[in-house]
Amino acid sequence: MIRQLFDPANAVTAAGLVLSVIAISLALSGRVELGVAVALWALLADHLDGVVAQRLTTRAERAGEVGKNLELFG
């Protein structure tokens, strides 16, 4: 599973998930403005992972399956 995160699209998805968690924790700690800013970066990552996945022509099938599962969390 960890090896599949080296796939560029999966790495972008994982970064978006991490940014989402950071944004939520910032908002809950009272730093709402910073949380919103980080959430916007998470939204950008969510959009970009699809773009990256579509442009990869030599993507392994297993990496695509892992990416679909990561999208369920994001």
PDB file of N, CA and C in Angstrom:
ATOM      1  N   MET A   1       0.819  -1.192   0.000  1.00  0.00           N
ATOM      2  CA  MET A   1       0.000   0.000   0.000  1.00  0.00           C
ATOM      3  C   MET A   1       0.864   1.259   0.000  1.00  0.00           C
ATOM      4  N   ILE A   2       1.865   1.330   0.853  1.00  0.00           N
ATOM      5  CA  ILE A   2       2.724   2.508   0.912  1.00  0.00           C
ATOM      6  C   ILE A   2       3.414   2.716  -0.437  1.00  0.00           C
ATOM      7  N   ARG A   3       3.785   1.642  -1.084  1.00  0.00           N
ATOM      8  CA  ARG A   3       4.459   1.735  -2.381  1.00  0.00           C
ATOM      9  C   ARG A   3       3.566   2.407  -3.424  1.00  0.00           C
ATOM     10  N   GLN A   4       2.243   2.235  -3.300  1.00  0.00           N
ATOM     11  CA  GLN A   4       1.306   2.835  -4.250  1.00  0.00           C
ATOM     12  C   GLN A   4       1.204   4.338  -4.093  1.00  0.00           C
ATOM     13  N   LEU A   5       1.662   4.878  -2.958  1.00  0.00           N
ATOM     14  CA  LEU A   5       1.622   6.328  -2.755  1.00  0.00           C
ATOM     15  C   LEU A   5       2.703   7.045  -3.559  1.00  0.00           C
ATOM     16  N   PHE A   6       3.650   6.291  -4.122  1.00  0.00           N
ATOM     17  CA  PHE A   6       4.666   6.902  -4.982  1.00  0.00           C
ATOM     18  C   PHE A   6       4.104   7.207  -6.364  1.00  0.00           C
ATOM     19  N   ASP A   7       2.922   6.693  -6.665  1.00  0.00           N
ATOM     20  CA  ASP A   7       2.216   7.057  -7.886  1.00  0.00           C
ATOM     21  C   ASP A   7       1.846   8.540  -7.777  1.00  0.00           C
ATOM     22  N   PRO A   8       2.138   9.362  -8.786  1.00  0.00           N
ATOM     23  CA  PRO A   8       1.906  10.804  -8.651  1.00  0.00           C
ATOM     24  C   PRO A   8       0.474  11.182  -8.284  1.00  0.00           C
ATOM     25  N   ALA A   9      -0.508  10.567  -8.902  1.00  0.00           N
ATOM     26  CA  ALA A   9      -1.900  10.908  -8.593  1.00  0.00           C
ATOM     27  C   ALA A   9      -2.258  10.513  -7.165  1.00  0.00           C
ATOM     28  N   ASN A  10      -1.787   9.365  -6.718  1.00  0.00           N
ATOM     29  CA  ASN A  10      -2.061   8.935  -5.349  1.00  0.00           C
ATOM     30  C   ASN A  10      -1.344   9.822  -4.339  1.00  0.00           C
ATOM     31  N   ALA A  11      -0.165  10.304  -4.682  1.00  0.00           N
ATOM     32  CA  ALA A  11       0.562  11.206  -3.789  1.00  0.00           C
ATOM     33  C   ALA A  11      -0.195  12.525  -3.629  1.00  0.00           C
ATOM     34  N   VAL A  12      -0.766  13.026  -4.717  1.00  0.00           N
ATOM     35  CA  VAL A  12      -1.552  14.258  -4.645  1.00  0.00           C
ATOM     36  C   VAL A  12      -2.805  14.033  -3.800  1.00  0.00           C
ATOM     37  N   THR A  13      -3.451  12.874  -3.967  1.00  0.00           N
ATOM     38  CA  THR A  13      -4.635  12.549  -3.174  1.00  0.00           C
ATOM     39  C   THR A  13      -4.286  12.465  -1.693  1.00  0.00           C
ATOM     40  N   ALA A  14      -3.183  11.797  -1.377  1.00  0.00           N
ATOM     41  CA  ALA A  14      -2.763  11.664   0.022  1.00  0.00           C
ATOM     42  C   ALA A  14      -2.423  13.036   0.611  1.00  0.00           C
ATOM     43  N   ALA A  15      -1.796  13.888  -0.174  1.00  0.00           N
ATOM     44  CA  ALA A  15      -1.488  15.238   0.303  1.00  0.00           C
ATOM     45  C   ALA A  15      -2.776  16.008   0.585  1.00  0.00           C
ATOM     46  N   GLY A  16      -3.767  15.830  -0.262  1.00  0.00           N
ATOM     47  CA  GLY A  16      -5.056  16.480  -0.037  1.00  0.00           C
ATOM     48  C   GLY A  16      -5.738  15.993   1.226  1.00  0.00           C
ATOM     49  N   LEU A  17      -5.621  14.704   1.497  1.00  0.00           N
ATOM     50  CA  LEU A  17      -6.184  14.155   2.734  1.00  0.00           C
ATOM     51  C   LEU A  17      -5.493  14.740   3.963  1.00  0.00           C
ATOM     52  N   VAL A  18      -4.180  14.831   3.891  1.00  0.00           N
ATOM     53  CA  VAL A  18      -3.420  15.403   5.009  1.00  0.00           C
ATOM     54  C   VAL A  18      -3.797  16.868   5.201  1.00  0.00           C
ATOM     55  N   LEU A  19      -3.905  17.603   4.111  1.00  0.00           N
ATOM     56  CA  LEU A  19      -4.292  19.009   4.206  1.00  0.00           C
ATOM     57  C   LEU A  19      -5.694  19.167   4.784  1.00  0.00           C
ATOM     58  N   SER A  20      -6.591  18.263   4.453  1.00  0.00           N
ATOM     59  CA  SER A  20      -7.948  18.314   4.998  1.00  0.00           C
ATOM     60  C   SER A  20      -7.942  18.134   6.507  1.00  0.00           C
ATOM     61  N   VAL A  21      -7.160  17.179   6.980  1.00  0.00           N
ATOM     62  CA  VAL A  21      -7.066  16.943   8.424  1.00  0.00           C
ATOM     63  C   VAL A  21      -6.467  18.156   9.121  1.00  0.00           C
ATOM     64  N   ILE A  22      -5.451  18.739   8.522  1.00  0.00           N
ATOM     65  CA  ILE A  22      -4.826  19.936   9.099  1.00  0.00           C
ATOM     66  C   ILE A  22      -5.828  21.090   9.140  1.00  0.00           C
ATOM     67  N   ALA A  23      -6.598  21.258   8.069  1.00  0.00           N
ATOM     68  CA  ALA A  23      -7.582  22.340   8.013  1.00  0.00           C
ATOM     69  C   ALA A  23      -8.638  22.177   9.099  1.00  0.00           C
ATOM     70  N   ILE A  24      -9.103  20.968   9.309  1.00  0.00           N
ATOM     71  CA  ILE A  24     -10.109  20.716  10.342  1.00  0.00           C
ATOM     72  C   ILE A  24      -9.538  20.995  11.724  1.00  0.00           C
ATOM     73  N   SER A  25      -8.319  20.536  11.954  1.00  0.00           N
ATOM     74  CA  SER A  25      -7.727  20.755  13.276  1.00  0.00           C
ATOM     75  C   SER A  25      -7.469  22.247  13.526  1.00  0.00           C
ATOM     76  N   LEU A  26      -7.080  22.979  12.501  1.00  0.00           N
ATOM     77  CA  LEU A  26      -6.886  24.423  12.659  1.00  0.00           C
ATOM     78  C   LEU A  26      -8.211  25.120  12.970  1.00  0.00           C
ATOM     79  N   ALA A  27      -9.250  24.739  12.264  1.00  0.00           N
ATOM     80  CA  ALA A  27     -10.557  25.367  12.500  1.00  0.00           C
ATOM     81  C   ALA A  27     -11.064  25.056  13.908  1.00  0.00           C
ATOM     82  N   LEU A  28     -10.870  23.823  14.353  1.00  0.00           N
ATOM     83  CA  LEU A  28     -11.330  23.453  15.691  1.00  0.00           C
ATOM     84  C   LEU A  28     -10.518  24.117  16.792  1.00  0.00           C
ATOM     85  N   SER A  29      -9.293  24.480  16.503  1.00  0.00           N
ATOM     86  CA  SER A  29      -8.459  25.139  17.510  1.00  0.00           C
ATOM     87  C   SER A  29      -8.640  26.657  17.507  1.00  0.00           C
ATOM     88  N   GLY A  30      -9.577  27.149  16.693  1.00  0.00           N
ATOM     89  CA  GLY A  30      -9.879  28.574  16.693  1.00  0.00           C
ATOM     90  C   GLY A  30      -9.178  29.383  15.628  1.00  0.00           C
ATOM     91  N   ARG A  31      -8.357  28.765  14.833  1.00  0.00           N
ATOM     92  CA  ARG A  31      -7.643  29.481  13.757  1.00  0.00           C
ATOM     93  C   ARG A  31      -8.397  29.262  12.448  1.00  0.00           C
ATOM     94  N   VAL A  32      -9.627  29.781  12.412  1.00  0.00           N
ATOM     95  CA  VAL A  32     -10.555  29.505  11.321  1.00  0.00           C
ATOM     96  C   VAL A  32     -10.036  30.020   9.985  1.00  0.00           C
ATOM     97  N   GLU A  33      -9.490  31.212   9.960  1.00  0.00           N
ATOM     98  CA  GLU A  33      -9.021  31.783   8.694  1.00  0.00           C
ATOM     99  C   GLU A  33      -7.916  30.929   8.075  1.00  0.00           C
ATOM    100  N   LEU A  34      -6.989  30.501   8.900  1.00  0.00           N
ATOM    101  CA  LEU A  34      -5.914  29.647   8.401  1.00  0.00           C
ATOM    102  C   LEU A  34      -6.460  28.283   7.987  1.00  0.00           C
ATOM    103  N   GLY A  35      -7.428  27.774   8.739  1.00  0.00           N
ATOM    104  CA  GLY A  35      -8.063  26.506   8.385  1.00  0.00           C
ATOM    105  C   GLY A  35      -8.749  26.565   7.034  1.00  0.00           C
ATOM    106  N   VAL A  36      -9.421  27.689   6.758  1.00  0.00           N
ATOM    107  CA  VAL A  36     -10.076  27.857   5.454  1.00  0.00           C
ATOM    108  C   VAL A  36      -9.035  27.918   4.337  1.00  0.00           C
ATOM    109  N   ALA A  37      -7.938  28.601   4.578  1.00  0.00           N
ATOM    110  CA  ALA A  37      -6.881  28.692   3.566  1.00  0.00           C
ATOM    111  C   ALA A  37      -6.308  27.312   3.246  1.00  0.00           C
ATOM    112  N   VAL A  38      -6.065  26.521   4.282  1.00  0.00           N
ATOM    113  CA  VAL A  38      -5.534  25.174   4.065  1.00  0.00           C
ATOM    114  C   VAL A  38      -6.582  24.296   3.386  1.00  0.00           C
ATOM    115  N   ALA A  39      -7.854  24.488   3.733  1.00  0.00           N
ATOM    116  CA  ALA A  39      -8.925  23.724   3.090  1.00  0.00           C
ATOM    117  C   ALA A  39      -8.995  24.021   1.598  1.00  0.00           C
ATOM    118  N   LEU A  40      -8.730  25.257   1.222  1.00  0.00           N
ATOM    119  CA  LEU A  40      -8.712  25.597  -0.203  1.00  0.00           C
ATOM    120  C   LEU A  40      -7.579  24.880  -0.929  1.00  0.00           C
ATOM    121  N   TRP A  41      -6.434  24.743  -0.277  1.00  0.00           N
ATOM    122  CA  TRP A  41      -5.332  23.970  -0.869  1.00  0.00           C
ATOM    123  C   TRP A  41      -5.726  22.500  -0.992  1.00  0.00           C
ATOM    124  N   ALA A  42      -6.477  21.990  -0.018  1.00  0.00           N
ATOM    125  CA  ALA A  42      -6.945  20.601  -0.085  1.00  0.00           C
ATOM    126  C   ALA A  42      -7.910  20.413  -1.258  1.00  0.00           C
ATOM    127  N   LEU A  43      -8.766  21.398  -1.485  1.00  0.00           N
ATOM    128  CA  LEU A  43      -9.681  21.330  -2.632  1.00  0.00           C
ATOM    129  C   LEU A  43      -8.915  21.347  -3.947  1.00  0.00           C
ATOM    130  N   LEU A  44      -7.883  22.160  -4.012  1.00  0.00           N
ATOM    131  CA  LEU A  44      -7.053  22.194  -5.215  1.00  0.00           C
ATOM    132  C   LEU A  44      -6.391  20.837  -5.452  1.00  0.00           C
ATOM    133  N   ALA A  45      -5.888  20.233  -4.394  1.00  0.00           N
ATOM    134  CA  ALA A  45      -5.269  18.913  -4.527  1.00  0.00           C
ATOM    135  C   ALA A  45      -6.293  17.883  -4.983  1.00  0.00           C
ATOM    136  N   ASP A  46      -7.523  17.985  -4.489  1.00  0.00           N
ATOM    137  CA  ASP A  46      -8.568  17.049  -4.886  1.00  0.00           C
ATOM    138  C   ASP A  46      -8.876  17.173  -6.372  1.00  0.00           C
ATOM    139  N   HIS A  47      -8.840  18.378  -6.878  1.00  0.00           N
ATOM    140  CA  HIS A  47      -9.066  18.577  -8.304  1.00  0.00           C
ATOM    141  C   HIS A  47      -7.880  18.082  -9.129  1.00  0.00           C
ATOM    142  N   LEU A  48      -6.679  18.389  -8.669  1.00  0.00           N
ATOM    143  CA  LEU A  48      -5.480  18.063  -9.443  1.00  0.00           C
ATOM    144  C   LEU A  48      -5.205  16.563  -9.518  1.00  0.00           C
ATOM    145  N   ASP A  49      -5.618  15.793  -8.513  1.00  0.00           N
ATOM    146  CA  ASP A  49      -5.329  14.364  -8.572  1.00  0.00           C
ATOM    147  C   ASP A  49      -6.032  13.701  -9.745  1.00  0.00           C
ATOM    148  N   GLY A  50      -7.220  14.162 -10.076  1.00  0.00           N
ATOM    149  CA  GLY A  50      -7.917  13.618 -11.241  1.00  0.00           C
ATOM    150  C   GLY A  50      -7.228  13.993 -12.535  1.00  0.00           C
ATOM    151  N   VAL A  51      -6.756  15.209 -12.616  1.00  0.00           N
ATOM    152  CA  VAL A  51      -6.043  15.672 -13.807  1.00  0.00           C
ATOM    153  C   VAL A  51      -4.762  14.864 -13.994  1.00  0.00           C
ATOM    154  N   VAL A  52      -4.039  14.684 -12.915  1.00  0.00           N
ATOM    155  CA  VAL A  52      -2.782  13.920 -12.985  1.00  0.00           C
ATOM    156  C   VAL A  52      -3.069  12.469 -13.381  1.00  0.00           C
ATOM    157  N   ALA A  53      -4.093  11.875 -12.796  1.00  0.00           N
ATOM    158  CA  ALA A  53      -4.420  10.477 -13.101  1.00  0.00           C
ATOM    159  C   ALA A  53      -4.795  10.295 -14.568  1.00  0.00           C
ATOM    160  N   GLN A  54      -5.505  11.248 -15.129  1.00  0.00           N
ATOM    161  CA  GLN A  54      -5.898  11.132 -16.534  1.00  0.00           C
ATOM    162  C   GLN A  54      -4.713  11.262 -17.479  1.00  0.00           C
ATOM    163  N   ARG A  55      -3.721  12.014 -17.080  1.00  0.00           N
ATOM    164  CA  ARG A  55      -2.572  12.247 -17.966  1.00  0.00           C
ATOM    165  C   ARG A  55      -1.507  11.163 -17.870  1.00  0.00           C
ATOM    166  N   LEU A  56      -1.604  10.306 -16.864  1.00  0.00           N
ATOM    167  CA  LEU A  56      -0.634   9.219 -16.740  1.00  0.00           C
ATOM    168  C   LEU A  56      -1.032   8.089 -17.680  1.00  0.00           C
ATOM    169  N   THR A  57      -0.188   7.807 -18.639  1.00  0.00           N
ATOM    170  CA  THR A  57      -0.516   6.763 -19.608  1.00  0.00           C
ATOM    171  C   THR A  57       0.040   5.401 -19.192  1.00  0.00           C
ATOM    172  N   THR A  58       1.053   5.389 -18.360  1.00  0.00           N
ATOM    173  CA  THR A  58       1.679   4.120 -17.970  1.00  0.00           C
ATOM    174  C   THR A  58       1.369   3.770 -16.516  1.00  0.00           C
ATOM    175  N   ARG A  59       0.199   4.154 -16.051  1.00  0.00           N
ATOM    176  CA  ARG A  59      -0.176   3.937 -14.655  1.00  0.00           C
ATOM    177  C   ARG A  59      -0.551   2.475 -14.438  1.00  0.00           C
ATOM    178  N   ALA A  60      -0.024   1.903 -13.368  1.00  0.00           N
ATOM    179  CA  ALA A  60      -0.333   0.512 -13.044  1.00  0.00           C
ATOM    180  C   ALA A  60      -1.790   0.389 -12.609  1.00  0.00           C
ATOM    181  N   GLU A  61      -2.392  -0.741 -12.931  1.00  0.00           N
ATOM    182  CA  GLU A  61      -3.795  -0.962 -12.578  1.00  0.00           C
ATOM    183  C   GLU A  61      -3.999  -0.934 -11.070  1.00  0.00           C
ATOM    184  N   ARG A  62      -3.066  -1.504 -10.340  1.00  0.00           N
ATOM    185  CA  ARG A  62      -3.162  -1.523  -8.873  1.00  0.00           C
ATOM    186  C   ARG A  62      -3.129  -0.104  -8.298  1.00  0.00           C
ATOM    187  N   ALA A  63      -2.323   0.759  -8.891  1.00  0.00           N
ATOM    188  CA  ALA A  63      -2.250   2.154  -8.431  1.00  0.00           C
ATOM    189  C   ALA A  63      -3.593   2.842  -8.641  1.00  0.00           C
ATOM    190  N   GLY A  64      -4.264   2.542  -9.727  1.00  0.00           N
ATOM    191  CA  GLY A  64      -5.587   3.109  -9.978  1.00  0.00           C
ATOM    192  C   GLY A  64      -6.614   2.636  -8.972  1.00  0.00           C
ATOM    193  N   GLU A  65      -6.530   1.362  -8.590  1.00  0.00           N
ATOM    194  CA  GLU A  65      -7.451   0.825  -7.592  1.00  0.00           C
ATOM    195  C   GLU A  65      -7.231   1.480  -6.235  1.00  0.00           C
ATOM    196  N   VAL A  66      -5.974   1.659  -5.865  1.00  0.00           N
ATOM    197  CA  VAL A  66      -5.656   2.327  -4.596  1.00  0.00           C
ATOM    198  C   VAL A  66      -6.144   3.768  -4.643  1.00  0.00           C
ATOM    199  N   GLY A  67      -5.979   4.427  -5.765  1.00  0.00           N
ATOM    200  CA  GLY A  67      -6.436   5.802  -5.924  1.00  0.00           C
ATOM    201  C   GLY A  67      -7.941   5.931  -5.748  1.00  0.00           C
ATOM    202  N   LYS A  68      -8.687   4.983  -6.294  1.00  0.00           N
ATOM    203  CA  LYS A  68     -10.143   4.999  -6.120  1.00  0.00           C
ATOM    204  C   LYS A  68     -10.516   4.844  -4.655  1.00  0.00           C
ATOM    205  N   ASN A  69      -9.810   3.998  -3.955  1.00  0.00           N
ATOM    206  CA  ASN A  69     -10.084   3.815  -2.520  1.00  0.00           C
ATOM    207  C   ASN A  69      -9.698   5.051  -1.717  1.00  0.00           C
ATOM    208  N   LEU A  70      -8.619   5.713  -2.082  1.00  0.00           N
ATOM    209  CA  LEU A  70      -8.236   6.948  -1.411  1.00  0.00           C
ATOM    210  C   LEU A  70      -9.281   8.038  -1.624  1.00  0.00           C
ATOM    211  N   GLU A  71      -9.883   8.064  -2.790  1.00  0.00           N
ATOM    212  CA  GLU A  71     -10.914   9.061  -3.079  1.00  0.00           C
ATOM    213  C   GLU A  71     -12.135   8.901  -2.182  1.00  0.00           C
ATOM    214  N   LEU A  72     -12.381   7.703  -1.701  1.00  0.00           N
ATOM    215  CA  LEU A  72     -13.515   7.484  -0.804  1.00  0.00           C
ATOM    216  C   LEU A  72     -13.345   8.245   0.503  1.00  0.00           C
ATOM    217  N   PHE A  73     -12.095   8.444   0.923  1.00  0.00           N
ATOM    218  CA  PHE A  73     -11.820   9.150   2.182  1.00  0.00           C
ATOM    219  C   PHE A  73     -11.802  10.660   1.967  1.00  0.00           C
ATOM    220  N   GLY A  74     -11.536  11.100   0.764  1.00  0.00           N
ATOM    221  CA  GLY A  74     -11.361  12.527   0.505  1.00  0.00           C
ATOM    222  C   GLY A  74     -12.558  13.251   0.060  1.00  0.00           C
TER     223      GLY A  74
END
